[in-house]
């Protein structure tokens, strides 16, 4: 049985959730002997602890001020990580999502006699979500990697083009679903005697296309009975006043704690992802977990998450009219909604289930 470590030091967001779900599924299958190295400051640290696996908790940081002082502890962090690899006799390390410290740590994997599998979520920085050394950091991690996993063909192409990583050492494993409450994925029925509820969820960054979404909303026929909730944290700039003035749009601008996410998705009928650029989307993964049909723009890897499974609509183009047309169809065609909702549940229980995803990771781990 291969001894593997899942390594992920992000504190909050999709990285910890992705790692938790993969760890839970791998542990349940029992084919890999598993350990974890995570941030002690992770929002979901109690969920990691509840897995009952060998667990290393690393003190990271909560923000910019702590980052400076925490970085002074890096020699001790390196020593602790190196010792943990040796104590656990780790053969394969799976870096499930990059962290600012990863490039300073990755050399320890080979020194410990282990092989490194790196999960690359993005082959290039999202507009407005970058820092100067990002591409160099990714390149350093890739040079140390024996295998690379991407979550979409789109990202795989970017890794080959931007970093020259060999195609024969790469594999695409799609993003599994995100569930935020217990129980099976619910089958959704279209709304009756109330507005159709669209949800935009996540960080409010320029590339997320909120301006495109508002343009689309303003083009929808007033006779269509719908509402839009925009939920997430970020600076809206001039768009904020426009959102606040629209009678069918509700804004909840803050960082959303993990325990509130299930209720937010449960209150919606569909999610909208009007991104101008994307690799793949954790919001779509959460949509599957909530049984929600989805609408996305035709960019990046978004279509890969939707089209093969028939679980949502892809706008005809990047124009607001195209997105408005897709929103109108979903809100006014009950048979379409029912069909997409059924496919969402079927896909969540099958191709994008964590059991299926974990099986693919087992093959990668054992072949590395």
Protein backbone atom coordinates (compact mmCIF):
# COMPACT_ATOMS: atom_id res chain seq x y z
CA UNK A 1 0.00 0.00 0.00
CA UNK A 2 1.47 3.37 -1.07
CA UNK A 3 2.02 5.88 1.73
CA UNK A 4 0.87 9.31 0.48
CA UNK A 5 0.62 12.79 1.95
CA UNK A 6 -1.92 15.44 0.91
CA UNK A 7 -0.21 18.81 1.40
CA UNK A 8 -2.21 22.07 1.45
CA UNK A 9 -1.49 25.11 3.63
CA UNK A 10 -4.15 27.57 2.46
CA UNK A 11 -6.31 28.83 5.32
CA UNK A 12 -9.67 29.31 3.63
CA UNK A 13 -11.43 29.11 0.28
CA UNK A 14 -11.56 26.28 -2.21
CA UNK A 15 -8.14 24.76 -1.50
CA UNK A 16 -8.89 23.44 1.99
CA UNK A 17 -12.33 22.18 0.91
CA UNK A 18 -10.86 20.41 -2.14
CA UNK A 19 -8.22 18.75 0.05
CA UNK A 20 -10.75 17.70 2.68
CA UNK A 21 -13.08 16.05 0.16
CA UNK A 22 -10.23 14.23 -1.59
CA UNK A 23 -8.82 13.04 1.74
CA UNK A 24 -12.20 11.81 2.93
CA UNK A 25 -12.78 9.84 -0.27
CA UNK A 26 -9.27 8.35 -0.37
CA UNK A 27 -9.57 7.30 3.27
CA UNK A 28 -12.95 5.67 2.64
CA UNK A 29 -11.62 3.67 -0.31
CA UNK A 30 -8.65 2.37 1.68
CA UNK A 31 -6.29 1.76 -1.23
CA UNK A 32 -3.78 4.46 -0.15
CA UNK A 33 -2.26 4.86 3.32
CA UNK A 34 -2.91 8.56 3.84
CA UNK A 35 -1.55 11.45 5.91
CA UNK A 36 -2.19 15.20 5.77
CA UNK A 37 -0.19 18.41 6.22
CA UNK A 38 -2.48 21.43 6.62
CA UNK A 39 -2.58 24.91 8.15
CA UNK A 40 -3.50 25.02 11.82
CA UNK A 41 -5.30 28.29 11.00
CA UNK A 42 -7.55 26.65 8.39
CA UNK A 43 -11.23 27.52 8.82
CA UNK A 44 -12.09 23.83 8.53
CA UNK A 45 -9.33 22.48 10.78
CA UNK A 46 -11.93 20.64 12.90
CA UNK A 47 -13.10 18.79 9.78
CA UNK A 48 -9.53 17.72 9.03
CA UNK A 49 -9.12 16.50 12.60
CA UNK A 50 -12.39 14.56 12.44
CA UNK A 51 -11.02 12.40 9.60
CA UNK A 52 -8.91 10.50 12.11
CA UNK A 53 -5.88 10.44 9.79
CA UNK A 54 -2.27 11.19 10.64
CA UNK A 55 -2.28 14.99 10.63
CA UNK A 56 0.47 17.59 10.68
CA UNK A 57 -0.79 21.08 11.60
CA UNK A 58 1.56 23.86 10.46
CA UNK A 59 1.26 27.38 11.87
CA UNK A 60 0.93 29.65 8.81
CA UNK A 61 -0.55 33.16 8.95
CA UNK A 62 -3.83 35.07 8.77
CA UNK A 63 -2.83 38.12 6.74
CA UNK A 64 -0.14 40.46 5.49
CA UNK A 65 1.21 41.49 8.90
CA UNK A 66 1.45 37.92 10.14
CA UNK A 67 3.01 36.83 6.83
CA UNK A 68 6.16 38.86 7.54
CA UNK A 69 6.69 37.47 11.03
CA UNK A 70 5.59 33.96 10.01
CA UNK A 71 8.13 33.89 7.19
CA UNK A 72 10.88 34.23 9.79
CA UNK A 73 9.77 30.83 11.06
CA UNK A 74 10.32 29.15 7.68
CA UNK A 75 13.51 27.31 8.69
CA UNK A 76 11.57 25.65 11.51
CA UNK A 77 8.64 24.95 9.19
CA UNK A 78 10.98 23.32 6.66
CA UNK A 79 12.49 21.15 9.38
CA UNK A 80 9.07 20.10 10.67
CA UNK A 81 7.84 19.19 7.19
CA UNK A 82 11.02 17.26 6.38
CA UNK A 83 10.80 15.33 9.65
CA UNK A 84 7.13 14.53 9.11
CA UNK A 85 7.83 13.08 5.66
CA UNK A 86 10.48 10.82 7.15
CA UNK A 87 8.47 9.84 10.24
CA UNK A 88 5.47 8.87 8.12
CA UNK A 89 7.68 7.15 5.51
CA UNK A 90 5.87 9.10 2.79
CA UNK A 91 6.40 7.81 -0.75
CA UNK A 92 4.23 10.30 -2.67
CA UNK A 93 3.31 13.89 -1.78
CA UNK A 94 0.24 15.36 -3.48
CA UNK A 95 0.33 19.18 -3.35
CA UNK A 96 -3.39 19.80 -3.75
CA UNK A 97 -3.17 23.59 -4.10
CA UNK A 98 -0.31 26.07 -4.18
CA UNK A 99 0.59 28.28 -1.23
CA UNK A 100 3.08 31.14 -1.06
CA UNK A 101 5.45 28.92 0.92
CA UNK A 102 5.30 25.91 -1.42
CA UNK A 103 8.23 26.96 -3.68
CA UNK A 104 10.44 27.22 -0.58
CA UNK A 105 9.41 23.76 0.60
CA UNK A 106 9.14 21.58 -2.54
CA UNK A 107 12.82 20.60 -2.64
CA UNK A 108 12.31 18.67 0.62
CA UNK A 109 10.06 16.12 -1.08
CA UNK A 110 12.79 14.63 -3.25
CA UNK A 111 15.32 14.91 -0.42
CA UNK A 112 13.04 12.74 1.69
CA UNK A 113 12.99 10.15 -1.09
CA UNK A 114 9.38 10.88 -2.04
CA UNK A 115 7.80 11.79 -5.38
CA UNK A 116 5.75 14.93 -5.93
CA UNK A 117 2.36 15.18 -7.65
CA UNK A 118 1.26 18.80 -8.06
CA UNK A 119 -2.36 19.75 -8.69
CA UNK A 120 -2.33 22.89 -10.85
CA UNK A 121 -5.57 24.87 -10.62
CA UNK A 122 -4.47 27.80 -12.83
CA UNK A 123 -1.78 27.98 -15.49
CA UNK A 124 -1.84 31.79 -15.47
CA UNK A 125 -2.96 34.43 -13.00
CA UNK A 126 -6.51 35.74 -13.12
CA UNK A 127 -6.69 39.44 -14.04
CA UNK A 128 -6.68 41.52 -10.89
CA UNK A 129 -5.66 38.53 -8.74
CA UNK A 130 -1.91 38.37 -9.24
CA UNK A 131 1.38 39.10 -7.52
CA UNK A 132 4.73 39.69 -9.29
CA UNK A 133 6.40 36.36 -8.48
CA UNK A 134 3.45 34.07 -9.17
CA UNK A 135 4.62 32.59 -12.48
CA UNK A 136 8.11 32.00 -11.12
CA UNK A 137 6.62 30.25 -8.13
CA UNK A 138 4.54 27.94 -10.32
CA UNK A 139 7.58 27.21 -12.50
CA UNK A 140 9.63 26.22 -9.44
CA UNK A 141 6.90 23.87 -8.22
CA UNK A 142 6.56 22.29 -11.66
CA UNK A 143 10.31 21.70 -11.95
CA UNK A 144 10.13 19.71 -8.73
CA UNK A 145 7.06 17.71 -9.80
CA UNK A 146 7.18 14.13 -11.00
CA UNK A 147 3.55 14.29 -12.18
CA UNK A 148 1.04 17.10 -12.68
CA UNK A 149 -2.73 16.93 -12.31
CA UNK A 150 -4.92 19.65 -13.81
CA UNK A 151 -8.65 20.06 -13.34
CA UNK A 152 -9.42 20.87 -16.98
CA UNK A 153 -7.99 20.42 -20.46
CA UNK A 154 -7.86 24.21 -20.65
CA UNK A 155 -5.39 24.40 -17.76
CA UNK A 156 -3.41 21.43 -19.09
CA UNK A 157 -2.89 23.29 -22.37
CA UNK A 158 -1.77 26.36 -20.44
CA UNK A 159 0.75 24.37 -18.38
CA UNK A 160 2.25 22.93 -21.56
CA UNK A 161 2.32 26.30 -23.33
CA UNK A 162 3.47 28.51 -20.46
CA UNK A 163 5.90 26.17 -18.72
CA UNK A 164 6.79 23.49 -21.26
CA UNK A 165 5.77 20.70 -18.90
CA UNK A 166 5.81 17.28 -20.65
CA UNK A 167 2.37 16.08 -21.71
CA UNK A 168 3.18 12.46 -20.87
CA UNK A 169 3.59 13.38 -17.19
CA UNK A 170 0.24 15.17 -16.97
CA UNK A 171 -3.27 13.92 -16.34
CA UNK A 172 -6.62 15.75 -16.22
CA UNK A 173 -8.87 14.87 -13.28
CA UNK A 174 -12.00 17.04 -13.14
CA UNK A 175 -13.02 19.06 -10.09
CA UNK A 176 -15.20 17.04 -7.73
CA UNK A 177 -18.43 18.38 -6.26
CA UNK A 178 -18.53 20.56 -3.16
CA UNK A 179 -21.18 19.67 -0.57
CA UNK A 180 -21.65 22.00 2.38
CA UNK A 181 -24.24 20.02 4.31
CA UNK A 182 -25.01 16.38 5.05
CA UNK A 183 -27.21 14.10 3.03
CA UNK A 184 -27.59 13.35 -0.67
CA UNK A 185 -27.52 15.93 -3.43
CA UNK A 186 -31.08 17.29 -3.65
CA UNK A 187 -33.19 17.08 -6.79
CA UNK A 188 -34.46 20.59 -7.51
CA UNK A 189 -37.94 21.48 -8.68
CA UNK A 190 -38.54 24.76 -10.49
CA UNK A 191 -40.13 27.54 -8.44
CA UNK A 192 -43.90 27.94 -8.25
CA UNK A 193 -45.61 31.23 -7.32
CA UNK A 194 -42.36 33.04 -6.60
CA UNK A 195 -39.50 34.58 -8.58
CA UNK A 196 -36.80 32.40 -10.09
CA UNK A 197 -33.68 32.94 -7.95
CA UNK A 198 -30.28 33.26 -9.62
CA UNK A 199 -27.14 33.25 -7.48
CA UNK A 200 -23.75 34.81 -8.15
CA UNK A 201 -21.37 33.59 -5.44
CA UNK A 202 -17.68 34.19 -4.72
CA UNK A 203 -15.01 36.85 -4.57
CA UNK A 204 -15.99 40.06 -6.32
CA UNK A 205 -13.06 40.50 -8.69
CA UNK A 206 -12.98 42.25 -12.09
CA UNK A 207 -12.54 39.04 -14.10
CA UNK A 208 -15.72 37.58 -12.58
CA UNK A 209 -17.78 39.65 -15.03
CA UNK A 210 -20.25 41.32 -12.69
CA UNK A 211 -20.53 44.22 -15.13
CA UNK A 212 -21.48 41.76 -17.88
CA UNK A 213 -24.02 40.15 -15.53
CA UNK A 214 -25.62 43.49 -14.70
CA UNK A 215 -25.78 44.36 -18.40
CA UNK A 216 -27.55 41.04 -18.97
CA UNK A 217 -29.98 41.55 -16.08
CA UNK A 218 -30.96 44.94 -17.45
CA UNK A 219 -31.76 43.35 -20.83
CA UNK A 220 -34.12 40.67 -19.50
CA UNK A 221 -37.77 41.31 -20.31
CA UNK A 222 -39.53 42.83 -17.26
CA UNK A 223 -42.21 40.16 -17.64
CA UNK A 224 -39.71 37.46 -16.57
CA UNK A 225 -40.18 36.86 -12.84
CA UNK A 226 -36.67 36.54 -11.40
CA UNK A 227 -34.30 37.74 -8.70
CA UNK A 228 -30.52 37.81 -8.48
CA UNK A 229 -28.46 37.46 -5.29
CA UNK A 230 -24.83 38.59 -5.44
CA UNK A 231 -22.99 37.11 -2.46
CA UNK A 232 -19.29 37.51 -1.78
CA UNK A 233 -16.48 39.82 -0.76
CA UNK A 234 -14.62 42.43 -2.79
CA UNK A 235 -14.53 46.00 -4.07
CA UNK A 236 -17.33 46.77 -6.51
CA UNK A 237 -16.20 50.30 -7.33
CA UNK A 238 -18.71 52.27 -9.43
CA UNK A 239 -20.69 49.07 -10.06
CA UNK A 240 -21.84 49.06 -6.45
CA UNK A 241 -24.33 51.91 -6.90
CA UNK A 242 -25.75 50.30 -10.01
CA UNK A 243 -26.29 47.01 -8.19
CA UNK A 244 -27.85 48.72 -5.18
CA UNK A 245 -30.31 50.61 -7.39
CA UNK A 246 -31.67 47.56 -9.21
CA UNK A 247 -34.96 46.37 -7.66
CA UNK A 248 -34.38 42.69 -8.53
CA UNK A 249 -30.79 42.44 -7.29
CA UNK A 250 -29.78 41.79 -3.68
CA UNK A 251 -26.18 42.30 -2.57
CA UNK A 252 -24.56 40.53 0.42
CA UNK A 253 -20.98 41.82 0.34
CA UNK A 254 -18.77 40.08 2.91
CA UNK A 255 -16.59 37.01 3.36
CA UNK A 256 -18.99 34.10 3.76
CA UNK A 257 -18.14 31.62 6.54
CA UNK A 258 -18.17 27.96 5.56
CA UNK A 259 -21.20 27.17 7.71
CA UNK A 260 -23.40 29.66 5.80
CA UNK A 261 -22.70 28.42 2.29
CA UNK A 262 -25.18 25.53 2.29
CA UNK A 263 -28.09 27.82 3.13
CA UNK A 264 -27.14 30.35 0.45
CA UNK A 265 -27.07 27.70 -2.28
CA UNK A 266 -30.23 26.02 -0.96
CA UNK A 267 -32.14 29.29 -1.39
CA UNK A 268 -31.20 29.55 -5.09
CA UNK A 269 -32.64 27.91 -8.20
CA UNK A 270 -29.54 28.28 -10.39
CA UNK A 271 -26.06 29.78 -10.33
CA UNK A 272 -24.58 32.23 -12.81
CA UNK A 273 -20.88 32.35 -13.68
CA UNK A 274 -20.40 35.29 -16.09
CA UNK A 275 -16.60 35.17 -15.96
CA UNK A 276 -14.41 36.89 -18.53
CA UNK A 277 -11.59 34.44 -17.81
CA UNK A 278 -11.55 31.10 -16.01
CA UNK A 279 -9.66 27.87 -15.50
CA UNK A 280 -12.52 26.00 -13.86
CA UNK A 281 -14.87 27.07 -11.10
CA UNK A 282 -15.34 26.03 -7.50
CA UNK A 283 -18.73 27.74 -7.69
CA UNK A 284 -19.78 25.21 -10.32
CA UNK A 285 -18.47 22.43 -8.06
CA UNK A 286 -20.68 23.81 -5.28
CA UNK A 287 -23.60 24.04 -7.72
CA UNK A 288 -23.31 20.31 -8.36
CA UNK A 289 -23.26 19.66 -4.63
CA UNK A 290 -26.44 21.69 -4.20
CA UNK A 291 -28.19 20.18 -7.23
CA UNK A 292 -28.33 23.54 -9.01
CA UNK A 293 -28.33 23.99 -12.79
CA UNK A 294 -25.86 26.63 -13.92
CA UNK A 295 -25.17 29.25 -16.58
CA UNK A 296 -21.66 30.23 -17.65
CA UNK A 297 -19.82 32.21 -20.27
CA UNK A 298 -17.92 30.31 -23.00
CA UNK A 299 -14.44 30.88 -21.55
CA UNK A 300 -11.61 28.75 -20.19
CA UNK A 301 -12.60 25.43 -18.70
CA UNK A 302 -16.16 26.36 -17.70
CA UNK A 303 -17.77 24.53 -20.61
CA UNK A 304 -15.81 21.39 -19.65
CA UNK A 305 -17.59 21.38 -16.29
CA UNK A 306 -21.05 21.71 -17.84
CA UNK A 307 -21.43 20.67 -21.49
CA UNK A 308 -20.37 16.98 -21.29
CA UNK A 309 -22.92 16.38 -18.54
CA UNK A 310 -25.84 18.49 -19.75
CA UNK A 311 -26.16 20.30 -16.42
CA UNK A 312 -26.47 23.91 -17.51
CA UNK A 313 -26.32 26.45 -20.30
CA UNK A 314 -23.33 28.12 -21.91
CA UNK A 315 -24.03 31.62 -23.22
CA UNK A 316 -23.76 31.91 -27.00
CA UNK A 317 -20.98 34.51 -26.71
CA UNK A 318 -19.53 37.09 -24.33
CA UNK A 319 -22.19 39.69 -25.15
CA UNK A 320 -24.74 40.57 -22.45
CA UNK A 321 -27.60 39.66 -24.79
CA UNK A 322 -26.36 36.08 -24.95
CA UNK A 323 -26.17 35.76 -21.19
CA UNK A 324 -29.57 37.38 -20.79
CA UNK A 325 -31.04 34.90 -23.26
CA UNK A 326 -29.66 31.96 -21.27
CA UNK A 327 -31.03 33.35 -18.00
CA UNK A 328 -34.42 33.90 -19.60
CA UNK A 329 -34.57 30.34 -20.94
CA UNK A 330 -33.75 28.78 -17.61
CA UNK A 331 -36.22 30.96 -15.72
CA UNK A 332 -39.12 30.44 -18.15
CA UNK A 333 -38.79 26.87 -19.47
CA UNK A 334 -39.78 24.43 -16.69
CA UNK A 335 -39.05 21.31 -18.74
CA UNK A 336 -35.52 22.55 -19.48
CA UNK A 337 -34.97 23.29 -15.80
CA UNK A 338 -36.19 19.84 -14.75
CA UNK A 339 -33.94 18.12 -17.27
CA UNK A 340 -30.85 20.08 -16.25
CA UNK A 341 -31.56 19.57 -12.54
CA UNK A 342 -31.85 15.80 -13.03
CA UNK A 343 -28.56 15.72 -14.93
CA UNK A 344 -26.90 17.74 -12.17
CA UNK A 345 -27.81 15.14 -9.55
CA UNK A 346 -26.80 12.25 -11.81
CA UNK A 347 -23.43 13.87 -12.53
CA UNK A 348 -22.81 14.72 -8.87
CA UNK A 349 -23.44 11.10 -7.91
CA UNK A 350 -21.37 9.70 -10.79
CA UNK A 351 -18.60 11.31 -12.88
CA UNK A 352 -17.90 14.18 -10.50
CA UNK A 353 -18.39 12.28 -7.25
CA UNK A 354 -15.38 12.23 -4.94
CA UNK A 355 -15.31 8.46 -4.97
CA UNK A 356 -14.78 8.58 -8.75
CA UNK A 357 -12.23 11.40 -8.42
CA UNK A 358 -10.34 9.56 -5.66
CA UNK A 359 -10.08 6.46 -7.84
CA UNK A 360 -8.34 8.50 -10.52
CA UNK A 361 -5.96 9.98 -7.95
CA UNK A 362 -5.15 6.50 -6.66
CA UNK A 363 -3.95 5.55 -10.13
CA UNK A 364 -1.76 8.66 -10.35
CA UNK A 365 -0.30 8.13 -6.88
CA UNK A 366 0.54 4.50 -7.51
CA UNK A 367 2.04 5.21 -10.93
CA UNK A 368 4.20 8.13 -9.76
